[in-house]
Amino acid sequence: MPSRNSSRSPTGIDKLDFDDNRRPPSTTDGSDSGGLLRDDESLLSNVVDGVIERDRRKIRRQVTKYLSFVSAILSCLCAGSITAYSLYGPLFQSRLQYTQVQVNAVSTAAELAMYLPVPIFGYLCDRFSPRPLSLFSGVFFGLGYLLAALAYQHGSIKEGGFPPAVMVVSFVAVGMGTSCMYLSAVTTCAKNFGRGKHKGLALAMPIAAFGLSGMWQSQVGSRLLYERSGERQGEVDVYRYFIFLAILLFAVGVIGAFALNVVNEEELLEEAVSELERSGLLEENPFFHRSVIHDSSDGYGTIDSSQTISNSAESDDADADPMIRKSWRNDEDSRRKTWLLNNETRIFLLDHTMWFLAAGFFAVTGPGEAFINNLGTIINTFYPPPSSGPPGSNSPATHVSIVALTSTLARLLTGTLSDFLAPVAPSPLIHDQHSKRFTCSRLVFLLASTLIFSLGQLLLASGFIQSHPSSFPLVSALVGLGYGAVFSLTPIIVSVVWGVQNFGTNWGIVAVVPAAGAALWGAIYAAVYDSAADGEGKGGVERLCYGVRCYAPTFWGMVAFSWIAIGLWAFAWRGWRARRILV
């Protein structure tokens, strides 16, 4: 039988000649087959190199992500130094001879500086990155505590010292440092872990660490940096304590300036763009006629940059074109990111449920801040002369630690339990699994926590603690549990309802309200306290007050506000349920 090759005519047409993709026959023996082998090897090598590089990028992202998380925890473990204010607040009265109004003015200034600039800091955090904010925090803390140390060291005005206004200015810097360090850490965690199934825990851990910071710092002050001689032996050495905080917090701020990084922020923006596309809001905006993030020069969803680069740029040599295109795309992406985040802010502000959430947050956090800041003076009202003062088991440092521990426990528990029990959107792949499990909305945890918070205030307002001072740790524990849970759940709810791409700005807007609450209830407490002190007519004691009348009216008002918060959050929850948002 003749061979296939021998049957072909020299001028005949074989069906293989119609294969456009077929390599033309070689004209020299073995030369092209070797080239084909080399091409295949080169292609395989490129594929392998691409896979290796992709894995390396993935590992680098994971390492960066978890190093940022560790840095965020460290920042929050140190950022809450202001929560130990009650440790040295009473010494401002006895050592610097401040009135209760002046003592509250210092703490209120810190609260206002900590909360009022939060939207601005959040805006900067979203538009740029958390790292500059961390550096600012270190500078604010260092300068603030250094100035406070000098003001305390120089004594009262009668002794030639600084006026109270200097201490107010120093604590304004401390408040701003607290805001910057806390927000940079929490925003980093929210953006890096906010899309995972453990977003509640990822946010609860840095928030819990923030609660712990006041506890360990107050213990350092009372057990290590205390007066070892003189009439104030055993009390915290405020000067050395402030110097310690200035050095520590400056160092932590600098560390965060290098370590806090947001990983894969482009993916967050792309998800936000997809949501806006589904809502139809992008049809009117030319910025988003194509993808926000360009993965390649001519990739899917992009327009050829040669259509948009000016004629003068096109006339440049070919080597400059990639740089021009890259610069143009970076500018375009920056404008699109700004438009997107501004639009997210507008949607957030126009949502009426946000205002219910913020109003309830105001009603709870203001009383909580006022209680923590005035722990020292509240405790002193239980022990009138000739008593020698509170025992060690009922000291301000002890109660700062109780509030910090219970607050931390509540933040971790609510963050973890809400991850496991909160309802999730149904999915075709896991519908059966989630339809059978028990679910509990985060709002249930929030309302229950607020009720617990109000019970602690109720015990204090009723006068029960005045007759049983040894039971005051119960009040601190109840307030700490409720306050910590509210501060943990509220940012988690913000991230669930409105997403994490604009979290810094959104949470910053809500986080402003505790400033007004702290100022309001701090002023109410100081006015009630000073009025009761004047009524007692004890001129020999520097405006110190004793008895239930010093604080009862204030805490009755706090109880009422806590119950109002429960109603406001119930209205917000009803709105989210109507929109089928699973919270």
Protein backbone atom coordinates (compact mmCIF):
# COMPACT_ATOMS: atom_id res chain seq x y z
CA MET A 1 0.00 0.00 0.00
CA PRO A 2 1.52 3.28 -1.00
CA SER A 3 2.40 5.69 1.75
CA ARG A 4 0.36 8.81 2.41
CA ASN A 5 3.21 11.07 1.38
CA SER A 6 3.82 9.25 -1.86
CA SER A 7 0.19 9.65 -2.90
CA ARG A 8 0.31 13.46 -2.78
CA SER A 9 1.01 15.31 -5.95
CA PRO A 10 3.71 17.95 -5.82
CA THR A 11 1.17 20.59 -6.68
CA GLY A 12 -1.73 19.01 -4.84
CA ILE A 13 -3.59 20.65 -2.02
CA ASP A 14 -3.78 18.80 1.27
CA LYS A 15 -6.42 19.53 3.89
CA LEU A 16 -3.72 20.46 6.37
CA ASP A 17 -2.79 23.40 4.19
CA PHE A 18 -6.05 25.03 5.22
CA ASP A 19 -5.01 25.10 8.87
CA ASP A 20 -4.15 28.75 9.42
CA ASN A 21 -2.67 28.02 12.83
CA ARG A 22 -0.39 25.26 11.52
CA ARG A 23 3.31 25.95 11.65
CA PRO A 24 4.75 26.05 8.09
CA PRO A 25 6.89 23.05 7.19
CA SER A 26 10.54 23.37 7.98
CA THR A 27 13.02 23.92 5.23
CA THR A 28 16.02 22.70 7.15
CA ASP A 29 16.35 19.50 9.03
CA GLY A 30 15.51 19.83 12.75
CA SER A 31 16.10 23.57 13.01
CA ASP A 32 12.47 24.64 13.50
CA SER A 33 11.57 21.72 15.72
CA GLY A 34 14.27 22.86 18.11
CA GLY A 35 12.89 26.40 18.00
CA LEU A 36 9.41 25.12 18.76
CA LEU A 37 10.73 23.22 21.75
CA ARG A 38 12.47 26.33 22.98
CA ASP A 39 9.26 28.33 22.55
CA ASP A 40 7.33 25.75 24.56
CA GLU A 41 9.95 25.79 27.29
CA SER A 42 9.89 29.58 27.36
CA LEU A 43 6.10 29.60 27.63
CA LEU A 44 6.16 27.04 30.46
CA SER A 45 8.86 29.02 32.23
CA ASN A 46 6.80 32.22 31.98
CA VAL A 47 3.75 30.44 33.37
CA VAL A 48 5.74 29.00 36.29
CA ASP A 49 7.34 32.38 37.00
CA GLY A 50 3.92 34.02 36.95
CA VAL A 51 2.50 31.49 39.41
CA ILE A 52 5.49 31.89 41.73
CA GLU A 53 5.24 35.68 41.61
CA ARG A 54 1.50 35.53 42.27
CA ASP A 55 2.07 33.32 45.31
CA ARG A 56 4.79 35.64 46.55
CA ARG A 57 2.46 38.63 46.27
CA LYS A 58 -0.24 36.73 48.11
CA ILE A 59 2.16 35.81 50.93
CA ARG A 60 3.41 39.38 51.14
CA ARG A 61 -0.15 40.65 51.37
CA GLN A 62 -0.98 38.18 54.13
CA VAL A 63 2.17 39.06 56.08
CA THR A 64 1.44 42.77 55.68
CA LYS A 65 -2.17 42.23 56.71
CA TYR A 66 -1.35 40.43 59.97
CA LEU A 67 1.58 42.69 60.83
CA SER A 68 -0.83 45.61 60.46
CA PHE A 69 -3.25 43.82 62.76
CA VAL A 70 -0.55 43.36 65.42
CA SER A 71 0.41 47.02 65.12
CA ALA A 72 -3.26 48.02 65.42
CA ILE A 73 -3.61 45.99 68.63
CA LEU A 74 -0.46 47.60 70.03
CA SER A 75 -1.78 51.08 69.17
CA CYS A 76 -5.12 50.42 70.85
CA LEU A 77 -3.43 48.88 73.90
CA CYS A 78 -1.80 52.25 74.49
CA ALA A 79 -4.24 54.76 72.98
CA GLY A 80 -6.81 54.83 75.82
CA SER A 81 -4.67 56.64 78.37
CA ILE A 82 -7.40 59.26 78.84
CA THR A 83 -9.63 56.59 80.42
CA ALA A 84 -7.31 56.63 83.45
CA TYR A 85 -8.16 60.28 84.09
CA SER A 86 -9.94 59.49 87.35
CA LEU A 87 -6.62 58.18 88.70
CA TYR A 88 -5.14 61.68 88.88
CA GLY A 89 -8.23 63.89 88.49
CA PRO A 90 -8.79 64.17 92.27
CA LEU A 91 -5.14 65.24 92.65
CA PHE A 92 -5.86 68.24 90.44
CA GLN A 93 -8.25 69.30 93.21
CA SER A 94 -5.95 68.66 96.16
CA ARG A 95 -2.54 69.45 94.58
CA LEU A 96 -3.41 72.17 92.05
CA GLN A 97 -6.49 73.41 93.98
CA TYR A 98 -8.82 73.15 90.97
CA THR A 99 -12.57 73.32 91.52
CA GLN A 100 -14.71 70.43 90.36
CA VAL A 101 -15.80 72.54 87.39
CA GLN A 102 -12.16 73.08 86.42
CA VAL A 103 -11.36 69.38 86.82
CA ASN A 104 -14.31 68.60 84.56
CA ALA A 105 -13.25 71.32 82.13
CA VAL A 106 -9.93 69.53 81.59
CA SER A 107 -11.58 66.16 80.97
CA THR A 108 -14.30 67.70 78.83
CA ALA A 109 -11.71 69.48 76.68
CA ALA A 110 -9.99 66.13 76.14
CA GLU A 111 -13.32 64.49 75.26
CA LEU A 112 -14.21 67.23 72.78
CA ALA A 113 -10.77 67.07 71.16
CA MET A 114 -11.02 63.29 71.02
CA TYR A 115 -14.41 63.20 69.28
CA LEU A 116 -15.04 66.43 67.35
CA PRO A 117 -12.19 66.07 64.81
CA VAL A 118 -12.98 62.38 64.16
CA PRO A 119 -14.81 63.01 60.84
CA ILE A 120 -11.79 64.96 59.57
CA PHE A 121 -9.39 62.26 60.73
CA GLY A 122 -11.63 59.59 59.24
CA TYR A 123 -11.74 61.46 55.93
CA LEU A 124 -7.95 61.62 55.84
CA CYS A 125 -7.75 57.93 56.75
CA ASP A 126 -10.01 56.90 53.86
CA ARG A 127 -8.55 59.23 51.23
CA PHE A 128 -4.92 58.59 52.07
CA SER A 129 -4.02 55.86 54.56
CA PRO A 130 -3.95 55.24 58.34
CA ARG A 131 -0.18 55.73 58.56
CA PRO A 132 0.00 59.56 58.60
CA LEU A 133 -2.72 59.57 61.24
CA SER A 134 -0.65 57.31 63.48
CA LEU A 135 2.32 59.65 63.18
CA PHE A 136 0.12 62.63 64.10
CA SER A 137 -1.07 60.74 67.17
CA GLY A 138 2.47 60.23 68.41
CA VAL A 139 3.22 63.96 68.07
CA PHE A 140 -0.02 65.00 69.78
CA PHE A 141 0.51 62.59 72.68
CA GLY A 142 4.15 63.51 73.17
CA LEU A 143 3.55 67.25 73.25
CA GLY A 144 0.32 67.01 75.26
CA TYR A 145 1.60 64.87 78.11
CA LEU A 146 4.89 66.76 78.26
CA LEU A 147 3.05 70.06 78.71
CA ALA A 148 0.71 68.47 81.29
CA ALA A 149 3.71 67.16 83.25
CA LEU A 150 5.26 70.64 83.37
CA ALA A 151 1.96 72.24 84.40
CA TYR A 152 1.52 69.76 87.25
CA GLN A 153 5.14 70.05 88.38
CA HIS A 154 4.85 73.84 88.81
CA GLY A 155 1.92 73.50 91.23
CA SER A 156 -1.10 75.73 91.74
CA ILE A 157 -1.41 79.36 90.72
CA LYS A 158 -0.87 80.39 94.35
CA GLU A 159 2.52 78.62 94.18
CA GLY A 160 3.46 80.43 90.96
CA GLY A 161 2.25 77.61 88.71
CA PHE A 162 0.45 77.61 85.38
CA PRO A 163 -3.25 78.53 85.12
CA PRO A 164 -5.78 75.74 84.49
CA ALA A 165 -6.02 76.84 80.84
CA VAL A 166 -2.56 75.36 80.21
CA MET A 167 -3.72 71.98 81.47
CA VAL A 168 -6.80 72.29 79.25
CA VAL A 169 -4.61 72.92 76.20
CA SER A 170 -2.38 69.97 77.01
CA PHE A 171 -5.36 67.62 77.26
CA VAL A 172 -6.77 68.93 73.99
CA ALA A 173 -3.59 67.55 72.39
CA VAL A 174 -4.02 64.29 74.33
CA GLY A 175 -7.60 63.98 73.10
CA MET A 176 -6.59 64.51 69.48
CA GLY A 177 -3.81 61.97 69.86
CA THR A 178 -6.29 59.45 71.27
CA SER A 179 -8.62 59.97 68.32
CA CYS A 180 -5.86 59.64 65.70
CA MET A 181 -4.29 56.50 67.18
CA TYR A 182 -7.61 54.74 67.82
CA LEU A 183 -9.12 55.59 64.44
CA SER A 184 -6.03 54.64 62.43
CA ALA A 185 -5.91 51.24 64.14
CA VAL A 186 -9.63 50.42 63.93
CA THR A 187 -9.94 51.57 60.31
CA THR A 188 -6.99 49.39 59.31
CA CYS A 189 -8.66 46.33 60.86
CA ALA A 190 -12.06 47.17 59.37
CA LYS A 191 -10.71 47.45 55.84
CA ASN A 192 -8.39 44.46 56.05
CA PHE A 193 -10.88 42.06 57.68
CA GLY A 194 -14.28 43.70 57.18
CA ARG A 195 -15.30 41.40 54.32
CA GLY A 196 -14.51 38.16 56.12
CA LYS A 197 -16.77 36.04 58.25
CA HIS A 198 -15.00 37.16 61.45
CA LYS A 199 -15.31 40.91 60.93
CA GLY A 200 -16.95 41.32 64.33
CA LEU A 201 -14.03 39.75 66.16
CA ALA A 202 -11.50 41.59 63.99
CA LEU A 203 -13.06 44.88 65.08
CA ALA A 204 -13.78 43.82 68.65
CA MET A 205 -10.15 42.92 69.41
CA PRO A 206 -8.61 46.38 68.82
CA ILE A 207 -11.63 48.02 70.47
CA ALA A 208 -11.20 45.70 73.46
CA ALA A 209 -7.49 46.46 73.57
CA PHE A 210 -8.41 50.15 73.74
CA GLY A 211 -10.48 49.40 76.84
CA LEU A 212 -7.59 47.52 78.43
CA SER A 213 -5.19 50.40 77.97
CA GLY A 214 -6.67 52.45 80.80
CA MET A 215 -6.49 49.47 83.14
CA TRP A 216 -2.83 48.59 82.71
CA GLN A 217 -1.72 52.21 82.58
CA SER A 218 -3.55 53.04 85.79
CA GLN A 219 -1.90 50.04 87.45
CA VAL A 220 1.52 51.20 86.29
CA GLY A 221 0.79 54.61 87.76
CA SER A 222 -0.53 53.38 91.11
CA ARG A 223 1.91 50.50 91.65
CA LEU A 224 5.14 51.62 90.00
CA LEU A 225 5.10 55.40 89.49
CA TYR A 226 3.88 56.48 92.94
CA GLU A 227 5.10 58.89 95.59
CA ARG A 228 7.51 57.08 97.90
CA SER A 229 7.86 59.76 100.57
CA GLY A 230 6.21 62.87 101.97
CA GLU A 231 2.60 63.55 102.85
CA ARG A 232 1.39 62.16 99.51
CA GLN A 233 3.16 58.85 99.92
CA GLY A 234 1.39 56.07 98.04
CA GLU A 235 -0.38 58.39 95.58
CA VAL A 236 0.50 58.33 91.90
CA ASP A 237 3.44 60.55 90.96
CA VAL A 238 1.59 62.48 88.28
CA TYR A 239 4.70 64.17 86.85
CA ARG A 240 6.57 60.92 86.25
CA TYR A 241 3.38 59.24 85.03
CA PHE A 242 2.83 61.91 82.36
CA ILE A 243 6.46 61.70 81.22
CA PHE A 244 6.12 57.92 80.92
CA LEU A 245 2.98 58.30 78.76
CA ALA A 246 4.58 60.96 76.56
CA ILE A 247 7.54 58.72 75.68
CA LEU A 248 5.51 55.52 75.28
CA LEU A 249 2.77 56.95 73.09
CA PHE A 250 5.13 58.87 70.84
CA ALA A 251 7.03 55.64 70.15
CA VAL A 252 3.84 53.68 69.43
CA GLY A 253 2.63 56.38 67.04
CA VAL A 254 5.87 56.20 65.08
CA ILE A 255 5.66 52.40 64.88
CA GLY A 256 2.12 52.63 63.49
CA ALA A 257 3.27 55.15 60.90
CA PHE A 258 5.31 52.35 59.30
CA ALA A 259 3.27 49.24 60.15
CA LEU A 260 -0.39 50.15 59.52
CA ASN A 261 -1.24 49.24 55.91
CA VAL A 262 -4.53 48.57 54.12
CA VAL A 263 -4.26 45.50 51.85
CA ASN A 264 -6.24 45.16 48.60
CA GLU A 265 -8.06 48.46 48.94
CA GLU A 266 -8.74 48.32 45.18
CA GLU A 267 -11.04 45.35 45.70
CA LEU A 268 -13.07 47.30 48.26
CA LEU A 269 -13.56 50.11 45.77
CA GLU A 270 -14.52 47.71 42.99
CA GLU A 271 -17.17 46.15 45.24
CA ALA A 272 -18.53 49.60 46.04
CA VAL A 273 -18.66 50.41 42.32
CA SER A 274 -20.58 47.18 41.66
CA GLU A 275 -23.14 48.08 44.34
CA LEU A 276 -23.62 51.54 42.86
CA GLU A 277 -23.97 50.06 39.38
CA ARG A 278 -26.74 47.79 40.60
CA SER A 279 -28.47 50.80 42.17
CA GLY A 280 -28.22 52.79 38.91
CA LEU A 281 -26.30 55.68 40.48
CA LEU A 282 -23.33 55.35 38.14
CA GLU A 283 -25.24 55.82 34.89
CA GLU A 284 -25.15 59.60 35.26
CA ASN A 285 -21.45 59.84 36.08
CA PRO A 286 -18.80 59.65 33.32
CA PHE A 287 -16.07 58.65 35.78
CA PHE A 288 -17.51 55.17 36.05
CA HIS A 289 -18.20 54.30 32.44
CA ARG A 290 -15.25 51.98 32.86
CA SER A 291 -13.51 50.20 35.72
CA VAL A 292 -12.16 52.19 38.64
CA ILE A 293 -9.06 50.08 38.95
CA HIS A 294 -7.03 49.26 35.86
CA ASP A 295 -5.42 45.89 35.96
CA SER A 296 -3.75 46.26 32.57
CA SER A 297 -3.31 48.82 29.84
CA ASP A 298 -5.94 47.28 27.55
CA GLY A 299 -7.67 44.89 29.92
CA TYR A 300 -11.27 43.97 30.26
CA GLY A 301 -13.53 46.85 31.23
CA THR A 302 -11.05 49.56 30.24
CA ILE A 303 -10.76 52.00 27.35
CA ASP A 304 -7.60 52.16 25.33
CA SER A 305 -5.60 54.97 26.83
CA SER A 306 -4.53 56.11 23.35
CA GLN A 307 -8.08 57.42 22.92
CA THR A 308 -7.77 59.70 25.92
CA ILE A 309 -4.16 60.82 26.01
CA SER A 310 -3.67 64.14 24.31
CA ASN A 311 -2.12 64.46 20.88
CA SER A 312 0.99 66.00 22.32
CA ALA A 313 1.50 63.00 24.55
CA GLU A 314 1.00 60.66 21.62
CA SER A 315 3.75 62.40 19.73
CA ASP A 316 6.31 61.62 22.42
CA ASP A 317 8.65 58.71 21.97
CA ALA A 318 7.40 55.21 22.77
CA ASP A 319 9.48 54.90 25.92
CA ALA A 320 7.58 57.77 27.56
CA ASP A 321 4.11 56.48 26.69
CA PRO A 322 3.87 53.88 29.53
CA MET A 323 4.83 56.52 32.11
CA ILE A 324 2.28 58.99 30.72
CA ARG A 325 -0.43 56.35 30.70
CA LYS A 326 0.42 55.30 34.24
CA SER A 327 0.35 58.90 35.51
CA TRP A 328 -2.93 59.58 33.70
CA ARG A 329 -4.52 56.45 35.09
CA ASN A 330 -3.35 57.23 38.63
CA ASP A 331 -4.98 60.66 38.36
CA GLU A 332 -8.17 59.16 37.00
CA ASP A 333 -8.28 56.49 39.70
CA SER A 334 -7.70 59.09 42.40
CA ARG A 335 -10.59 61.22 41.10
CA ARG A 336 -12.87 58.21 40.84
CA LYS A 337 -11.96 57.09 44.38
CA THR A 338 -12.72 60.58 45.70
CA TRP A 339 -16.06 60.69 43.90
CA LEU A 340 -16.96 57.22 45.11
CA LEU A 341 -16.15 57.91 48.76
CA ASN A 342 -17.89 61.29 48.67
CA ASN A 343 -20.97 59.60 47.25
CA GLU A 344 -20.81 56.97 50.00
CA THR A 345 -20.67 59.76 52.57
CA ARG A 346 -23.70 61.45 51.01
CA ILE A 347 -25.70 58.20 51.10
CA PHE A 348 -24.70 57.72 54.74
CA LEU A 349 -25.76 61.21 55.80
CA LEU A 350 -29.09 61.00 53.99
CA ASP A 351 -30.01 57.71 55.66
CA HIS A 352 -32.46 58.48 58.48
CA THR A 353 -31.56 55.25 60.29
CA MET A 354 -28.03 56.56 60.72
CA TRP A 355 -29.39 59.47 62.75
CA PHE A 356 -31.35 57.11 65.00
CA LEU A 357 -28.16 55.08 65.52
CA ALA A 358 -26.10 58.19 66.27
CA ALA A 359 -28.70 59.65 68.63
CA GLY A 360 -28.82 56.44 70.66
CA PHE A 361 -25.02 56.37 70.73
CA PHE A 362 -25.07 59.93 72.09
CA ALA A 363 -27.58 59.01 74.79
CA VAL A 364 -25.42 56.13 76.10
CA THR A 365 -21.81 57.20 75.61
CA GLY A 366 -22.21 60.63 77.22
CA PRO A 367 -23.26 59.20 80.60
CA GLY A 368 -20.61 56.49 80.26
CA GLU A 369 -17.83 59.00 79.67
CA ALA A 370 -19.02 61.18 82.55
CA PHE A 371 -19.08 58.19 84.93
CA ILE A 372 -15.54 57.09 84.00
CA ASN A 373 -14.11 60.61 84.24
CA ASN A 374 -15.65 61.24 87.66
CA LEU A 375 -15.03 57.88 89.33
CA GLY A 376 -12.60 59.43 91.77
CA THR A 377 -14.91 62.15 93.04
CA ILE A 378 -17.90 59.79 93.14
CA ILE A 379 -15.99 57.39 95.39
CA ASN A 380 -14.93 60.21 97.72
CA THR A 381 -18.57 61.15 98.34
CA PHE A 382 -19.02 57.78 100.09
CA TYR A 383 -16.46 58.59 102.82
CA PRO A 384 -17.09 61.93 104.57
CA PRO A 385 -14.75 63.20 107.30
CA PRO A 386 -13.46 62.07 109.69
CA SER A 387 -13.09 59.00 107.48
CA SER A 388 -9.58 58.50 106.10
CA GLY A 389 -10.93 57.93 102.61
CA PRO A 390 -11.73 54.86 100.51
CA PRO A 391 -9.91 51.60 101.21
CA GLY A 392 -7.64 50.09 98.59
CA SER A 393 -10.38 47.75 97.41
CA ASN A 394 -12.54 50.78 96.55
CA SER A 395 -9.84 53.10 95.20
CA PRO A 396 -10.15 54.91 91.85
CA ALA A 397 -7.41 52.75 90.33
CA THR A 398 -9.33 49.61 91.32
CA HIS A 399 -12.50 50.84 89.66
CA VAL A 400 -10.70 52.02 86.53
CA SER A 401 -9.42 48.45 86.26
CA ILE A 402 -12.89 46.98 86.86
CA VAL A 403 -14.43 49.16 84.15
CA ALA A 404 -11.58 48.32 81.78
CA LEU A 405 -11.78 44.56 82.38
CA THR A 406 -15.56 44.30 82.11
CA SER A 407 -15.56 46.59 79.09
CA THR A 408 -12.92 44.44 77.41
CA LEU A 409 -14.83 41.26 78.21
CA ALA A 410 -18.04 42.74 76.77
CA ARG A 411 -16.30 43.88 73.58
CA LEU A 412 -14.76 40.49 72.94
CA LEU A 413 -17.93 38.57 73.77
CA THR A 414 -20.25 40.72 71.69
CA GLY A 415 -17.85 40.79 68.76
CA THR A 416 -17.37 37.03 68.79
CA LEU A 417 -20.99 36.06 69.49
CA SER A 418 -22.32 38.46 66.88
CA ASP A 419 -20.09 36.81 64.27
CA PHE A 420 -21.51 33.38 65.04
CA LEU A 421 -25.13 34.28 65.79
CA ALA A 422 -25.91 37.24 63.54
CA PRO A 423 -28.13 36.41 60.55
CA VAL A 424 -26.45 36.15 57.15
CA ALA A 425 -27.78 36.62 53.65
CA PRO A 426 -29.05 33.36 52.13
CA SER A 427 -26.79 31.67 49.58
CA PRO A 428 -27.64 28.79 47.23
CA LEU A 429 -24.58 26.92 48.45
CA ILE A 430 -25.09 27.25 52.19
CA HIS A 431 -28.81 27.96 52.44
CA ASP A 432 -29.66 24.73 54.21
CA GLN A 433 -26.84 25.10 56.71
CA HIS A 434 -27.82 28.63 57.79
CA SER A 435 -31.56 28.13 57.67
CA LYS A 436 -31.34 25.56 60.47
CA ARG A 437 -29.01 27.38 62.87
CA PHE A 438 -30.09 29.73 65.65
CA THR A 439 -29.58 33.42 64.82
CA CYS A 440 -29.64 36.53 66.97
CA SER A 441 -29.37 40.04 65.58
CA ARG A 442 -26.63 42.37 66.73
CA LEU A 443 -29.39 44.77 67.74
CA VAL A 444 -30.53 42.30 70.40
CA PHE A 445 -27.05 42.42 71.92
CA LEU A 446 -27.04 46.22 71.67
CA LEU A 447 -30.41 46.70 73.39
CA ALA A 448 -29.59 44.19 76.14
CA SER A 449 -26.23 45.86 76.78
CA THR A 450 -27.89 49.26 77.13
CA LEU A 451 -30.31 47.85 79.67
CA ILE A 452 -27.39 46.42 81.70
CA PHE A 453 -25.69 49.82 81.49
CA SER A 454 -28.76 51.57 82.88
CA LEU A 455 -29.01 49.16 85.82
CA GLY A 456 -25.62 50.27 87.11
CA GLN A 457 -26.68 53.91 86.99
CA LEU A 458 -29.98 53.03 88.67
CA LEU A 459 -28.17 51.47 91.65
CA LEU A 460 -26.14 54.64 92.07
CA ALA A 461 -29.04 57.05 91.63
CA SER A 462 -31.25 55.20 94.11
CA GLY A 463 -28.82 55.78 96.99
CA PHE A 464 -28.23 52.06 97.57
CA ILE A 465 -24.48 52.39 97.02
CA GLN A 466 -24.23 55.33 99.41
CA SER A 467 -25.40 53.00 102.17
CA HIS A 468 -23.31 50.10 100.89
CA PRO A 469 -20.03 51.53 99.47
CA SER A 470 -18.51 48.07 99.28
CA SER A 471 -21.04 47.26 96.51
CA PHE A 472 -19.73 50.01 94.23
CA PRO A 473 -17.67 47.46 92.20
CA LEU A 474 -21.01 46.06 91.01
CA VAL A 475 -21.89 49.46 89.56
CA SER A 476 -18.51 49.73 87.83
CA ALA A 477 -18.92 46.22 86.40
CA LEU A 478 -22.43 46.88 85.05
CA VAL A 479 -21.43 50.19 83.51
CA GLY A 480 -18.28 48.66 82.05
CA LEU A 481 -20.18 45.75 80.49
CA GLY A 482 -22.83 47.96 78.91
CA TYR A 483 -20.47 50.72 77.81
CA GLY A 484 -17.96 48.29 76.29
CA ALA A 485 -20.59 46.36 74.37
CA VAL A 486 -22.12 49.54 72.93
CA PHE A 487 -18.72 50.80 71.81
CA SER A 488 -17.97 47.44 70.19
CA LEU A 489 -21.29 46.82 68.46
CA THR A 490 -21.90 50.30 67.04
CA PRO A 491 -18.88 50.37 64.66
CA ILE A 492 -19.61 46.76 63.67
CA ILE A 493 -23.17 47.76 62.76
CA VAL A 494 -21.85 50.73 60.77
CA SER A 495 -19.58 48.40 58.76
CA VAL A 496 -22.39 45.88 58.17
CA VAL A 497 -25.07 48.37 57.08
CA TRP A 498 -22.93 50.82 55.08
CA GLY A 499 -19.82 48.80 54.16
CA VAL A 500 -16.14 49.26 54.97
CA GLN A 501 -14.87 51.19 51.93
CA ASN A 502 -15.77 54.51 53.61
CA PHE A 503 -15.64 53.20 57.19
CA GLY A 504 -13.25 55.82 58.56
CA THR A 505 -15.51 58.69 57.51
CA ASN A 506 -18.78 56.99 58.42
CA TRP A 507 -17.63 55.83 61.83
CA GLY A 508 -15.99 59.21 62.39
CA ILE A 509 -19.32 60.96 61.87
CA VAL A 510 -21.07 58.72 64.41
CA ALA A 511 -18.15 58.90 66.83
CA VAL A 512 -18.52 62.68 67.13
CA VAL A 513 -21.62 62.41 69.28
CA PRO A 514 -19.92 61.17 72.48
CA ALA A 515 -18.15 64.55 72.62
CA ALA A 516 -21.45 66.36 73.00
CA GLY A 517 -22.68 63.72 75.44
CA ALA A 518 -19.53 63.91 77.55
CA ALA A 519 -19.65 67.71 77.62
CA LEU A 520 -23.34 67.74 78.54
CA TRP A 521 -23.18 65.17 81.33
CA GLY A 522 -19.81 66.37 82.61
CA ALA A 523 -21.27 69.85 83.01
CA ILE A 524 -24.44 68.50 84.65
CA TYR A 525 -22.44 66.37 87.08
CA ALA A 526 -20.12 69.28 87.98
CA ALA A 527 -23.02 71.69 88.49
CA VAL A 528 -24.93 69.25 90.72
CA TYR A 529 -21.75 68.42 92.67
CA ASP A 530 -20.70 72.04 93.25
CA SER A 531 -24.24 73.07 94.14
CA ALA A 532 -24.43 70.33 96.78
CA ALA A 533 -20.96 71.26 98.09
CA ASP A 534 -22.01 74.90 98.50
CA GLY A 535 -25.16 73.78 100.24
CA GLU A 536 -23.16 71.87 102.82
CA GLY A 537 -21.23 75.05 103.67
CA LYS A 538 -17.99 73.28 104.55
CA GLY A 539 -15.60 76.11 103.91
CA GLY A 540 -12.70 74.33 105.53
CA VAL A 541 -12.65 71.72 102.83
CA GLU A 542 -11.86 72.75 99.26
CA ARG A 543 -15.37 72.47 97.78
CA LEU A 544 -15.65 68.74 98.43
CA CYS A 545 -19.09 67.16 98.59
CA TYR A 546 -20.30 64.09 100.48
CA GLY A 547 -23.52 62.11 100.26
CA VAL A 548 -26.07 60.97 97.69
CA ARG A 549 -27.19 64.52 96.92
CA CYS A 550 -23.84 65.10 95.17
CA TYR A 551 -24.71 62.85 92.25
CA ALA A 552 -28.25 61.34 92.46
CA PRO A 553 -30.03 63.90 90.19
CA THR A 554 -27.34 63.42 87.55
CA PHE A 555 -27.64 59.66 87.46
CA TRP A 556 -31.44 59.68 87.37
CA GLY A 557 -31.12 61.69 84.18
CA MET A 558 -28.59 59.19 82.82
CA VAL A 559 -31.00 56.32 83.43
CA ALA A 560 -33.70 58.12 81.45
CA PHE A 561 -31.32 58.78 78.55
CA SER A 562 -30.29 55.12 78.43
CA TRP A 563 -33.90 54.02 78.05
CA ILE A 564 -34.44 56.63 75.33
CA ALA A 565 -31.48 55.11 73.46
CA ILE A 566 -33.19 51.72 73.50
CA GLY A 567 -36.22 53.23 71.78
CA LEU A 568 -34.13 55.03 69.16
CA TRP A 569 -32.23 51.89 68.24
CA ALA A 570 -35.47 49.94 68.00
CA PHE A 571 -36.68 52.46 65.37
CA ALA A 572 -33.41 52.09 63.43
CA TRP A 573 -33.70 48.31 63.54
CA ARG A 574 -37.22 48.48 62.14
CA GLY A 575 -35.92 50.57 59.22
CA TRP A 576 -33.17 48.08 58.41
CA ARG A 577 -35.58 45.17 58.55
CA ALA A 578 -37.89 46.97 56.14
CA ARG A 579 -34.94 47.27 53.73
CA ARG A 580 -34.01 43.62 54.33
CA ILE A 581 -30.62 44.49 55.77
CA LEU A 582 -29.46 41.66 58.01
CA VAL A 583 -27.83 43.18 61.06
